[in-house]
Amino acid sequence: MASRLWASKAASYLRLSVFHRGFSSVVKDLKYADSHEWVKFDGKSAIVGITDHAQDHLGDVVYVELPEAGTTVTQGTSFGAVESVKATSDINSPVSGKVVEVNKELSSSPGLINASPYENGWIIKVEMNDTGELNSLMDSEQYTKFCEEEDAKH
């Protein structure tokens, strides 16, 4: 953040235009947790990843700690971690169930989370225990508002 501010001031002094990235993208048909994970629900299974907003705040992802297939995950609890050039953050599961698949591409290409958080950067697929848990998650409009309010505090 400090480097963006410095760059903006320097550009202003030099009368250069600066591109300010707008709000991160939010996909309409997904559900979102307040810990910045997304869920794409399909029948009884769910694909889970971290949001564009989260990856933008993390910076370049350099390592992803993944669970094993067969691991049980619980809504709101950590199942792995994302390490970036700035920090290491837990990844919390937005739903409960059994991990049926892990995105193994992330082991060799963790930057997929930055480049494609909603497609190639997905993290796990979960066979859900209770689809009713989706009701406690935010839709795209709620999540957008949540992020705007959260960013305004910083």
C-alpha atoms as a PDB file:
ATOM      1  CA  MET A   1       0.000   0.000   0.000  1.00  0.00           C
ATOM      2  CA  ALA A   2       2.804   2.404   0.886  1.00  0.00           C
ATOM      3  CA  SER A   3       4.500   1.746  -2.449  1.00  0.00           C
ATOM      4  CA  ARG A   4       1.256   2.486  -4.305  1.00  0.00           C
ATOM      5  CA  LEU A   5       0.893   5.741  -2.401  1.00  0.00           C
ATOM      6  CA  TRP A   6       4.499   6.704  -3.100  1.00  0.00           C
ATOM      7  CA  ALA A   7       4.121   5.823  -6.799  1.00  0.00           C
ATOM      8  CA  SER A   8       0.909   7.825  -7.004  1.00  0.00           C
ATOM      9  CA  LYS A   9       2.528  10.886  -5.393  1.00  0.00           C
ATOM     10  CA  ALA A  10       5.595  10.589  -7.618  1.00  0.00           C
ATOM     11  CA  ALA A  11       3.433  10.286 -10.721  1.00  0.00           C
ATOM     12  CA  SER A  12       1.404  13.292  -9.631  1.00  0.00           C
ATOM     13  CA  TYR A  13       4.571  15.334  -9.126  1.00  0.00           C
ATOM     14  CA  LEU A  14       5.834  14.282 -12.552  1.00  0.00           C
ATOM     15  CA  ARG A  15       2.376  14.856 -14.059  1.00  0.00           C
ATOM     16  CA  LEU A  16       2.046  11.244 -15.188  1.00  0.00           C
ATOM     17  CA  SER A  17      -1.231   9.370 -15.222  1.00  0.00           C
ATOM     18  CA  VAL A  18      -1.536   6.405 -12.914  1.00  0.00           C
ATOM     19  CA  PHE A  19      -3.840   3.466 -13.411  1.00  0.00           C
ATOM     20  CA  HIS A  20      -5.677   2.660 -10.192  1.00  0.00           C
ATOM     21  CA  ARG A  21      -7.023  -0.856 -10.144  1.00  0.00           C
ATOM     22  CA  GLY A  22     -10.706  -0.855  -9.357  1.00  0.00           C
ATOM     23  CA  PHE A  23     -12.397  -3.253  -7.011  1.00  0.00           C
ATOM     24  CA  SER A  24     -11.428  -6.883  -7.527  1.00  0.00           C
ATOM     25  CA  SER A  25     -13.742  -9.067  -9.555  1.00  0.00           C
ATOM     26  CA  VAL A  26     -16.623 -10.926  -7.951  1.00  0.00           C
ATOM     27  CA  VAL A  27     -18.374 -13.741  -9.810  1.00  0.00           C
ATOM     28  CA  LYS A  28     -22.146 -13.584  -9.678  1.00  0.00           C
ATOM     29  CA  ASP A  29     -23.092 -17.265  -9.270  1.00  0.00           C
ATOM     30  CA  LEU A  30     -20.720 -18.064  -6.418  1.00  0.00           C
ATOM     31  CA  LYS A  31     -21.148 -17.952  -2.647  1.00  0.00           C
ATOM     32  CA  TYR A  32     -18.609 -16.175  -0.428  1.00  0.00           C
ATOM     33  CA  ALA A  33     -17.299 -16.500   3.131  1.00  0.00           C
ATOM     34  CA  ASP A  34     -16.265 -13.489   5.193  1.00  0.00           C
ATOM     35  CA  SER A  35     -12.763 -15.007   5.288  1.00  0.00           C
ATOM     36  CA  HIS A  36     -12.585 -14.459   1.481  1.00  0.00           C
ATOM     37  CA  GLU A  37     -13.097 -17.960   0.147  1.00  0.00           C
ATOM     38  CA  TRP A  38     -15.572 -18.704  -2.637  1.00  0.00           C
ATOM     39  CA  VAL A  39     -17.735 -21.764  -3.335  1.00  0.00           C
ATOM     40  CA  LYS A  40     -19.153 -22.979  -6.619  1.00  0.00           C
ATOM     41  CA  PHE A  41     -21.932 -25.442  -5.833  1.00  0.00           C
ATOM     42  CA  ASP A  42     -22.925 -28.195  -8.244  1.00  0.00           C
ATOM     43  CA  GLY A  43     -25.404 -30.724  -6.893  1.00  0.00           C
ATOM     44  CA  LYS A  44     -23.750 -32.163  -3.782  1.00  0.00           C
ATOM     45  CA  SER A  45     -20.178 -31.123  -4.533  1.00  0.00           C
ATOM     46  CA  ALA A  46     -18.507 -27.752  -4.114  1.00  0.00           C
ATOM     47  CA  ILE A  47     -15.378 -26.254  -5.615  1.00  0.00           C
ATOM     48  CA  VAL A  48     -13.510 -23.965  -3.211  1.00  0.00           C
ATOM     49  CA  GLY A  49     -10.906 -21.259  -3.780  1.00  0.00           C
ATOM     50  CA  ILE A  50      -9.837 -17.860  -2.509  1.00  0.00           C
ATOM     51  CA  THR A  51     -11.343 -14.714  -3.961  1.00  0.00           C
ATOM     52  CA  ASP A  52      -9.764 -12.211  -6.313  1.00  0.00           C
ATOM     53  CA  HIS A  53     -10.001  -9.697  -3.470  1.00  0.00           C
ATOM     54  CA  ALA A  54      -7.970 -12.002  -1.190  1.00  0.00           C
ATOM     55  CA  GLN A  55      -5.281 -12.776  -3.751  1.00  0.00           C
ATOM     56  CA  ASP A  56      -4.970  -9.073  -4.577  1.00  0.00           C
ATOM     57  CA  HIS A  57      -4.306  -8.252  -0.926  1.00  0.00           C
ATOM     58  CA  LEU A  58      -1.888 -11.172  -0.526  1.00  0.00           C
ATOM     59  CA  GLY A  59       0.310 -10.308  -3.483  1.00  0.00           C
ATOM     60  CA  ASP A  60       2.239 -12.920  -5.447  1.00  0.00           C
ATOM     61  CA  VAL A  61       1.429 -16.401  -4.134  1.00  0.00           C
ATOM     62  CA  VAL A  62       4.580 -18.524  -3.845  1.00  0.00           C
ATOM     63  CA  TYR A  63       3.313 -21.635  -2.026  1.00  0.00           C
ATOM     64  CA  VAL A  64      -0.002 -23.341  -1.270  1.00  0.00           C
ATOM     65  CA  GLU A  65      -0.385 -25.868   1.547  1.00  0.00           C
ATOM     66  CA  LEU A  66      -2.992 -28.364   0.348  1.00  0.00           C
ATOM     67  CA  PRO A  67      -4.914 -31.059   2.245  1.00  0.00           C
ATOM     68  CA  GLU A  68      -4.963 -34.672   1.105  1.00  0.00           C
ATOM     69  CA  ALA A  69      -7.959 -36.069  -0.757  1.00  0.00           C
ATOM     70  CA  GLY A  70     -10.168 -37.833   1.797  1.00  0.00           C
ATOM     71  CA  THR A  71      -9.574 -35.186   4.472  1.00  0.00           C
ATOM     72  CA  THR A  72     -12.676 -33.974   6.305  1.00  0.00           C
ATOM     73  CA  VAL A  73     -13.157 -30.199   6.333  1.00  0.00           C
ATOM     74  CA  THR A  74     -15.477 -28.191   8.570  1.00  0.00           C
ATOM     75  CA  GLN A  75     -17.144 -24.900   7.725  1.00  0.00           C
ATOM     76  CA  GLY A  76     -15.155 -21.990   9.145  1.00  0.00           C
ATOM     77  CA  THR A  77     -12.025 -23.963  10.020  1.00  0.00           C
ATOM     78  CA  SER A  78      -8.627 -24.004   8.341  1.00  0.00           C
ATOM     79  CA  PHE A  79      -7.705 -26.738   5.859  1.00  0.00           C
ATOM     80  CA  GLY A  80      -4.544 -25.236   4.371  1.00  0.00           C
ATOM     81  CA  ALA A  81      -2.546 -22.072   3.855  1.00  0.00           C
ATOM     82  CA  VAL A  82      -1.450 -19.675   1.154  1.00  0.00           C
ATOM     83  CA  GLU A  83       2.020 -18.157   1.374  1.00  0.00           C
ATOM     84  CA  SER A  84       2.756 -14.987  -0.553  1.00  0.00           C
ATOM     85  CA  VAL A  85       5.602 -12.520  -0.757  1.00  0.00           C
ATOM     86  CA  LYS A  86       3.740 -10.474   1.888  1.00  0.00           C
ATOM     87  CA  ALA A  87       2.287 -12.990   4.346  1.00  0.00           C
ATOM     88  CA  THR A  88       1.010 -16.477   5.073  1.00  0.00           C
ATOM     89  CA  SER A  89      -2.747 -16.834   5.471  1.00  0.00           C
ATOM     90  CA  ASP A  90      -4.921 -19.754   6.492  1.00  0.00           C
ATOM     91  CA  ILE A  91      -7.494 -21.004   4.017  1.00  0.00           C
ATOM     92  CA  ASN A  92     -10.801 -21.698   5.765  1.00  0.00           C
ATOM     93  CA  SER A  93     -13.402 -24.028   4.387  1.00  0.00           C
ATOM     94  CA  PRO A  94     -16.691 -22.300   3.620  1.00  0.00           C
ATOM     95  CA  VAL A  95     -18.475 -25.687   3.705  1.00  0.00           C
ATOM     96  CA  SER A  96     -18.224 -28.998   5.579  1.00  0.00           C
ATOM     97  CA  GLY A  97     -17.581 -32.346   3.966  1.00  0.00           C
ATOM     98  CA  LYS A  98     -14.931 -34.624   2.508  1.00  0.00           C
ATOM     99  CA  VAL A  99     -12.215 -33.396   0.140  1.00  0.00           C
ATOM    100  CA  VAL A 100     -12.635 -35.458  -3.030  1.00  0.00           C
ATOM    101  CA  GLU A 101     -10.068 -33.667  -5.193  1.00  0.00           C
ATOM    102  CA  VAL A 102      -7.158 -31.280  -4.737  1.00  0.00           C
ATOM    103  CA  ASN A 103      -5.813 -28.942  -7.422  1.00  0.00           C
ATOM    104  CA  LYS A 104      -2.354 -30.497  -7.741  1.00  0.00           C
ATOM    105  CA  GLU A 105      -1.350 -27.863 -10.312  1.00  0.00           C
ATOM    106  CA  LEU A 106      -0.969 -25.432  -7.413  1.00  0.00           C
ATOM    107  CA  SER A 107       2.020 -27.400  -6.078  1.00  0.00           C
ATOM    108  CA  SER A 108       4.114 -26.490  -9.108  1.00  0.00           C
ATOM    109  CA  SER A 109       2.243 -23.314 -10.132  1.00  0.00           C
ATOM    110  CA  PRO A 110       0.946 -21.496  -7.025  1.00  0.00           C
ATOM    111  CA  GLY A 111       0.660 -18.297  -9.080  1.00  0.00           C
ATOM    112  CA  LEU A 112      -2.504 -19.733 -10.659  1.00  0.00           C
ATOM    113  CA  ILE A 113      -4.277 -18.334  -7.604  1.00  0.00           C
ATOM    114  CA  ASN A 114      -3.213 -14.835  -8.677  1.00  0.00           C
ATOM    115  CA  ALA A 115      -3.711 -15.313 -12.397  1.00  0.00           C
ATOM    116  CA  SER A 116      -7.027 -17.163 -12.297  1.00  0.00           C
ATOM    117  CA  PRO A 117      -8.557 -17.300  -8.789  1.00  0.00           C
ATOM    118  CA  TYR A 118     -12.016 -18.408  -9.992  1.00  0.00           C
ATOM    119  CA  GLU A 119     -10.992 -20.905 -12.673  1.00  0.00           C
ATOM    120  CA  ASN A 120      -7.526 -22.488 -12.794  1.00  0.00           C
ATOM    121  CA  GLY A 121      -6.675 -21.381  -9.247  1.00  0.00           C
ATOM    122  CA  TRP A 122      -9.380 -23.411  -7.481  1.00  0.00           C
ATOM    123  CA  ILE A 123      -8.039 -25.247  -4.425  1.00  0.00           C
ATOM    124  CA  ILE A 124     -10.252 -28.192  -3.425  1.00  0.00           C
ATOM    125  CA  LYS A 125     -13.442 -30.005  -4.379  1.00  0.00           C
ATOM    126  CA  VAL A 126     -15.618 -31.051  -1.466  1.00  0.00           C
ATOM    127  CA  GLU A 127     -18.465 -33.561  -1.225  1.00  0.00           C
ATOM    128  CA  MET A 128     -20.731 -31.562   1.070  1.00  0.00           C
ATOM    129  CA  ASN A 129     -22.415 -32.961   4.169  1.00  0.00           C
ATOM    130  CA  ASP A 130     -25.084 -30.272   4.416  1.00  0.00           C
ATOM    131  CA  THR A 131     -26.023 -28.035   1.480  1.00  0.00           C
ATOM    132  CA  GLY A 132     -27.931 -25.849   3.952  1.00  0.00           C
ATOM    133  CA  GLU A 133     -24.553 -24.381   4.978  1.00  0.00           C
ATOM    134  CA  LEU A 134     -24.615 -22.412   1.721  1.00  0.00           C
ATOM    135  CA  ASN A 135     -27.389 -20.259   3.223  1.00  0.00           C
ATOM    136  CA  SER A 136     -24.917 -18.802   5.734  1.00  0.00           C
ATOM    137  CA  LEU A 137     -22.623 -17.551   2.944  1.00  0.00           C
ATOM    138  CA  MET A 138     -22.843 -14.251   1.077  1.00  0.00           C
ATOM    139  CA  ASP A 139     -23.991 -13.812  -2.512  1.00  0.00           C
ATOM    140  CA  SER A 140     -21.968 -11.641  -4.916  1.00  0.00           C
ATOM    141  CA  GLU A 141     -23.736  -8.387  -4.014  1.00  0.00           C
ATOM    142  CA  GLN A 142     -23.349  -8.970  -0.270  1.00  0.00           C
ATOM    143  CA  TYR A 143     -19.705  -9.909  -0.701  1.00  0.00           C
ATOM    144  CA  THR A 144     -18.959  -6.830  -2.817  1.00  0.00           C
ATOM    145  CA  LYS A 145     -20.482  -4.610  -0.130  1.00  0.00           C
ATOM    146  CA  PHE A 146     -18.593  -6.506   2.584  1.00  0.00           C
ATOM    147  CA  CYS A 147     -15.263  -5.937   0.797  1.00  0.00           C
ATOM    148  CA  GLU A 148     -15.970  -2.267   0.186  1.00  0.00           C
ATOM    149  CA  GLU A 149     -16.763  -1.745   3.884  1.00  0.00           C
ATOM    150  CA  GLU A 150     -13.720  -3.753   4.964  1.00  0.00           C
ATOM    151  CA  ASP A 151     -11.413  -1.768   2.657  1.00  0.00           C
ATOM    152  CA  ALA A 152     -12.865   1.536   3.888  1.00  0.00           C
ATOM    153  CA  LYS A 153     -11.689   0.644   7.415  1.00  0.00           C
ATOM    154  CA  HIS A 154      -8.057   0.367   6.278  1.00  0.00           C
END
